[in-house]
Protein backbone atom coordinates (compact mmCIF):
# COMPACT_ATOMS: atom_id res chain seq x y z
CA UNK A 1 -75.87 -40.88 75.93
CA UNK A 2 -78.08 -38.26 77.38
CA UNK A 3 -78.61 -35.00 75.45
CA UNK A 4 -75.19 -33.16 75.53
CA UNK A 5 -74.80 -29.51 76.46
CA UNK A 6 -72.56 -27.55 74.09
CA UNK A 7 -71.37 -23.96 75.12
CA UNK A 8 -70.07 -21.71 72.48
CA UNK A 9 -67.78 -18.89 73.49
CA UNK A 10 -67.46 -16.49 70.49
CA UNK A 11 -67.26 -12.66 70.64
CA UNK A 12 -68.53 -12.03 67.09
CA UNK A 13 -72.35 -11.75 67.62
CA UNK A 14 -73.35 -12.65 64.03
CA UNK A 15 -70.96 -15.68 63.86
CA UNK A 16 -72.11 -16.74 67.46
CA UNK A 17 -75.78 -16.70 66.22
CA UNK A 18 -74.80 -18.69 63.22
CA UNK A 19 -72.77 -21.20 65.04
CA UNK A 20 -75.68 -21.68 67.53
CA UNK A 21 -77.93 -22.41 64.67
CA UNK A 22 -75.43 -24.60 62.69
CA UNK A 23 -74.88 -26.88 65.79
CA UNK A 24 -78.66 -27.72 65.84
CA UNK A 25 -78.19 -28.87 62.46
CA UNK A 26 -74.98 -31.06 62.73
CA UNK A 27 -75.77 -32.63 65.94
CA UNK A 28 -77.01 -36.16 65.37
CA UNK A 29 -79.66 -35.89 68.19
CA UNK A 30 -81.17 -33.48 70.75
CA UNK A 31 -78.74 -31.13 72.29
CA UNK A 32 -78.76 -27.98 74.67
CA UNK A 33 -76.82 -25.12 72.84
CA UNK A 34 -75.86 -21.97 74.83
CA UNK A 35 -73.59 -19.21 73.96
CA UNK A 36 -71.52 -16.38 75.44
CA UNK A 37 -69.60 -13.50 73.90
CA UNK A 38 -66.78 -13.05 76.51
CA UNK A 39 -64.34 -15.17 78.54
CA UNK A 40 -65.82 -14.22 81.95
CA UNK A 41 -69.56 -14.71 80.61
CA UNK A 42 -68.60 -18.04 79.15
CA UNK A 43 -66.95 -19.18 82.41
CA UNK A 44 -70.07 -18.08 84.46
CA UNK A 45 -72.25 -20.05 81.87
CA UNK A 46 -70.01 -23.08 82.18
CA UNK A 47 -70.37 -23.20 85.93
CA UNK A 48 -74.02 -22.96 85.78
CA UNK A 49 -74.78 -25.22 82.80
CA UNK A 50 -71.96 -27.86 83.23
CA UNK A 51 -71.41 -28.21 79.49
CA UNK A 52 -70.06 -31.32 77.94
CA UNK A 53 -68.09 -29.57 75.34
CA UNK A 54 -67.03 -25.85 74.99
CA UNK A 55 -66.40 -24.56 71.54
CA UNK A 56 -63.86 -21.67 72.22
CA UNK A 57 -62.53 -18.75 70.21
CA UNK A 58 -58.90 -17.99 71.43
CA UNK A 59 -59.02 -14.20 70.72
CA UNK A 60 -61.70 -12.85 73.16
CA UNK A 61 -62.09 -9.24 74.20
CA UNK A 62 -61.54 -9.74 77.85
CA UNK A 63 -59.08 -12.50 78.32
CA UNK A 64 -57.03 -15.04 76.48
CA UNK A 65 -58.85 -18.16 75.37
CA UNK A 66 -55.87 -20.22 76.86
CA UNK A 67 -56.73 -18.70 80.34
CA UNK A 68 -60.42 -19.58 79.72
CA UNK A 69 -59.49 -23.30 78.95
CA UNK A 70 -57.20 -23.39 82.02
CA UNK A 71 -60.26 -22.25 84.17
CA UNK A 72 -62.53 -24.77 82.48
CA UNK A 73 -60.20 -27.56 83.29
CA UNK A 74 -60.60 -26.63 86.81
CA UNK A 75 -64.46 -27.30 86.89
CA UNK A 76 -65.83 -30.60 88.00
CA UNK A 77 -66.89 -32.15 85.63
CA UNK A 78 -64.48 -30.48 83.34
CA UNK A 79 -65.77 -30.12 79.82
CA UNK A 80 -63.82 -30.98 76.66
CA UNK A 81 -62.63 -28.00 74.77
CA UNK A 82 -62.78 -27.67 71.04
CA UNK A 83 -60.87 -24.41 69.76
CA UNK A 84 -62.43 -22.91 66.66
CA UNK A 85 -60.32 -19.83 65.88
CA UNK A 86 -59.31 -17.69 62.85
CA UNK A 87 -55.50 -18.05 63.12
CA UNK A 88 -52.76 -20.21 64.72
CA UNK A 89 -49.48 -18.17 65.06
CA UNK A 90 -46.45 -19.88 66.35
CA UNK A 91 -47.06 -19.25 69.94
CA UNK A 92 -50.52 -20.65 69.69
CA UNK A 93 -49.24 -24.01 68.05
CA UNK A 94 -46.53 -24.33 70.76
CA UNK A 95 -48.97 -23.77 73.64
CA UNK A 96 -51.71 -26.10 72.26
CA UNK A 97 -49.90 -29.34 73.45
CA UNK A 98 -49.41 -27.84 76.98
CA UNK A 99 -52.91 -26.72 77.28
CA UNK A 100 -56.18 -28.44 78.37
CA UNK A 101 -57.48 -28.40 74.74
CA UNK A 102 -58.90 -31.49 73.04
CA UNK A 103 -59.60 -30.36 69.67
CA UNK A 104 -58.66 -27.59 67.19
CA UNK A 105 -60.42 -26.24 64.03
CA UNK A 106 -59.54 -23.11 61.89
CA UNK A 107 -62.49 -21.09 60.94
CA UNK A 108 -61.08 -20.51 57.28
CA UNK A 109 -61.19 -24.22 56.52
CA UNK A 110 -63.54 -26.10 58.87
CA UNK A 111 -66.80 -27.15 57.40
CA UNK A 112 -70.02 -28.73 58.73
CA UNK A 113 -68.92 -32.49 58.50
CA UNK A 114 -65.61 -31.67 60.28
CA UNK A 115 -67.44 -29.81 62.95
CA UNK A 116 -69.86 -32.65 63.51
CA UNK A 117 -66.94 -35.15 63.55
CA UNK A 118 -64.91 -33.17 66.02
CA UNK A 119 -67.79 -32.78 68.32
CA UNK A 120 -68.52 -36.55 67.98
CA UNK A 121 -64.95 -37.26 68.98
CA UNK A 122 -64.84 -34.95 71.89
CA UNK A 123 -68.14 -36.26 73.33
CA UNK A 124 -66.78 -39.77 73.35
CA UNK A 125 -63.67 -38.71 75.26
CA UNK A 126 -61.26 -38.59 72.25
CA UNK A 127 -59.54 -35.67 70.53
CA UNK A 128 -59.83 -34.05 67.15
CA UNK A 129 -57.29 -31.83 65.60
CA UNK A 130 -57.63 -30.58 61.94
CA UNK A 131 -54.95 -32.33 59.93
CA UNK A 132 -53.54 -28.84 58.83
CA UNK A 133 -53.10 -27.92 62.46
CA UNK A 134 -51.27 -31.37 63.22
CA UNK A 135 -49.09 -30.67 60.34
CA UNK A 136 -48.21 -27.25 61.41
CA UNK A 137 -47.49 -28.40 65.00
CA UNK A 138 -45.25 -31.10 63.75
CA UNK A 139 -43.37 -28.66 61.62
CA UNK A 140 -42.65 -26.43 64.61
CA UNK A 141 -41.42 -29.48 66.68
CA UNK A 142 -38.96 -30.41 63.88
CA UNK A 143 -37.16 -26.96 64.10
CA UNK A 144 -34.17 -27.17 66.19
CA UNK A 145 -34.04 -23.43 66.63
CA UNK A 146 -37.68 -22.87 67.42
CA UNK A 147 -38.14 -20.41 70.18
CA UNK A 148 -39.85 -23.06 72.41
CA UNK A 149 -36.60 -24.96 72.33
CA UNK A 150 -34.04 -22.26 72.95
CA UNK A 151 -35.87 -19.93 75.26
CA UNK A 152 -36.27 -20.57 79.03
CA UNK A 153 -39.57 -20.69 80.59
CA UNK A 154 -38.88 -17.37 82.35
CA UNK A 155 -37.72 -15.85 79.04
CA UNK A 156 -41.00 -17.10 77.38
CA UNK A 157 -42.96 -15.34 80.14
CA UNK A 158 -41.08 -12.05 79.73
CA UNK A 159 -41.29 -11.89 75.82
CA UNK A 160 -44.88 -10.52 75.78
CA UNK A 161 -43.90 -7.70 78.16
CA UNK A 162 -40.99 -6.70 76.02
CA UNK A 163 -43.47 -6.87 73.21
CA UNK A 164 -45.63 -4.27 74.90
CA UNK A 165 -42.63 -1.85 74.87
CA UNK A 166 -42.34 -1.92 78.76
CA UNK A 167 -39.24 -0.51 80.40
CA UNK A 168 -37.08 -2.99 82.26
CA UNK A 169 -38.19 -1.20 85.57
CA UNK A 170 -41.80 -1.82 84.81
CA UNK A 171 -41.33 -5.40 83.83
CA UNK A 172 -39.43 -5.92 87.03
CA UNK A 173 -42.20 -4.56 89.08
CA UNK A 174 -44.80 -6.76 87.30
CA UNK A 175 -42.67 -10.08 87.39
CA UNK A 176 -41.28 -9.48 90.81
CA UNK A 177 -37.64 -9.33 89.55
CA UNK A 178 -34.92 -6.82 89.80
CA UNK A 179 -34.25 -4.54 86.85
CA UNK A 180 -30.78 -5.94 86.38
CA UNK A 181 -32.20 -9.47 86.16
CA UNK A 182 -34.74 -8.26 83.50
CA UNK A 183 -31.84 -6.71 81.65
CA UNK A 184 -30.02 -9.81 81.50
CA UNK A 185 -33.08 -11.80 80.30
CA UNK A 186 -33.52 -9.07 77.69
CA UNK A 187 -29.91 -9.45 76.48
CA UNK A 188 -30.07 -13.27 76.38
CA UNK A 189 -33.36 -13.26 74.48
CA UNK A 190 -31.87 -10.89 71.85
CA UNK A 191 -28.75 -13.25 71.52
CA UNK A 192 -30.77 -16.47 71.19
CA UNK A 193 -33.11 -15.13 68.59
CA UNK A 194 -30.40 -13.27 66.71
CA UNK A 195 -32.34 -9.77 67.13
CA UNK A 196 -30.79 -6.47 67.50
CA UNK A 197 -32.38 -4.00 70.04
CA UNK A 198 -35.73 -3.39 71.62
CA UNK A 199 -37.75 -2.37 68.55
CA UNK A 200 -36.84 -5.76 66.68
CA UNK A 201 -37.88 -7.73 69.61
CA UNK A 202 -41.14 -5.76 69.84
CA UNK A 203 -41.92 -6.58 66.13
CA UNK A 204 -40.91 -10.25 66.77
CA UNK A 205 -43.27 -10.74 69.59
CA UNK A 206 -46.06 -9.17 67.99
CA UNK A 207 -45.56 -11.10 64.68
CA UNK A 208 -45.19 -14.50 66.52
CA UNK A 209 -48.23 -13.97 68.54
CA UNK A 210 -46.77 -13.51 71.98
CA UNK A 211 -48.03 -9.87 72.48
CA UNK A 212 -51.69 -8.93 72.01
CA UNK A 213 -52.32 -5.43 73.23
CA UNK A 214 -55.89 -6.44 74.13
CA UNK A 215 -54.46 -8.45 77.06
CA UNK A 216 -51.94 -5.87 78.28
CA UNK A 217 -51.72 -6.05 82.02
CA UNK A 218 -52.56 -2.93 83.96
CA UNK A 219 -50.40 -1.13 86.37
CA UNK A 220 -51.50 -3.37 89.09
CA UNK A 221 -50.09 -6.48 87.32
CA UNK A 222 -53.38 -8.20 87.04
CA UNK A 223 -52.46 -10.20 84.00
CA UNK A 224 -55.25 -8.93 81.84
CA UNK A 225 -57.25 -5.87 81.00
CA UNK A 226 -59.80 -4.54 83.29
CA UNK A 227 -63.25 -6.16 82.86
CA UNK A 228 -65.25 -4.25 80.01
CA UNK A 229 -68.67 -2.81 80.84
CA UNK A 230 -71.14 -5.81 80.54
CA UNK A 231 -73.16 -6.02 77.43
CA UNK A 232 -76.84 -6.78 77.44
CA UNK A 233 -76.04 -9.81 74.92
CA UNK A 234 -72.66 -10.85 76.31
CA UNK A 235 -74.33 -13.76 78.19
CA UNK A 236 -77.04 -15.41 76.10
CA UNK A 237 -79.80 -17.10 77.72
CA UNK A 238 -80.21 -20.88 77.76
CA UNK A 239 -81.81 -22.13 74.66
CA UNK A 240 -84.30 -25.02 74.51
CA UNK A 241 -83.21 -28.36 73.35
CA UNK A 242 -82.78 -28.90 69.64
CA UNK A 243 -84.14 -31.86 67.94
């Protein structure tokens, strides 16, 4: 196999520098390692460098890691995606199986040898999910009343918006629905989840990871925050081959 290219997308500057250095130590041979500190910068670098594997933090400042993974999957050739993130709430575990993600590690428990193993598996076209993550996913699948089984796809789309505290009229404009339809969905969601009122649903959506105020859509309904001002180190330059 020729020297692989590894792209790291991580918004914490110190952690990104450490990860880039660590990759040079755990890779068994020469590798090209590059990094970016935002989703947009990472996608730009992915188009330029055509990485074999992308190590991805899901909680980025400008866009969701799931959106980044979806756009990476549209590239040709598409890189393998290894999530390295700090937490895995219910909504993350539910979305992993439906997303173009090939590996999953938690920062709190992953170690050098496991990172090396995960990279090896992905580079050979296989998958690697940390055992604790697999156990958590299996647990959610065994729950007959899990939200992924009792809420419709439309209701799942609307839950984050209810979590933002939006009015029915605002949600209707954003989702292209009538206020009456939104009101009906709201009532159905409350009944299915055994919740009582708007505030309980807001707290539930935030706790379960549906609602992240960093990604609250603007009035135009863009689906994500406006792009933040570019940082001088948001896109790190290509690094020389290591090894």
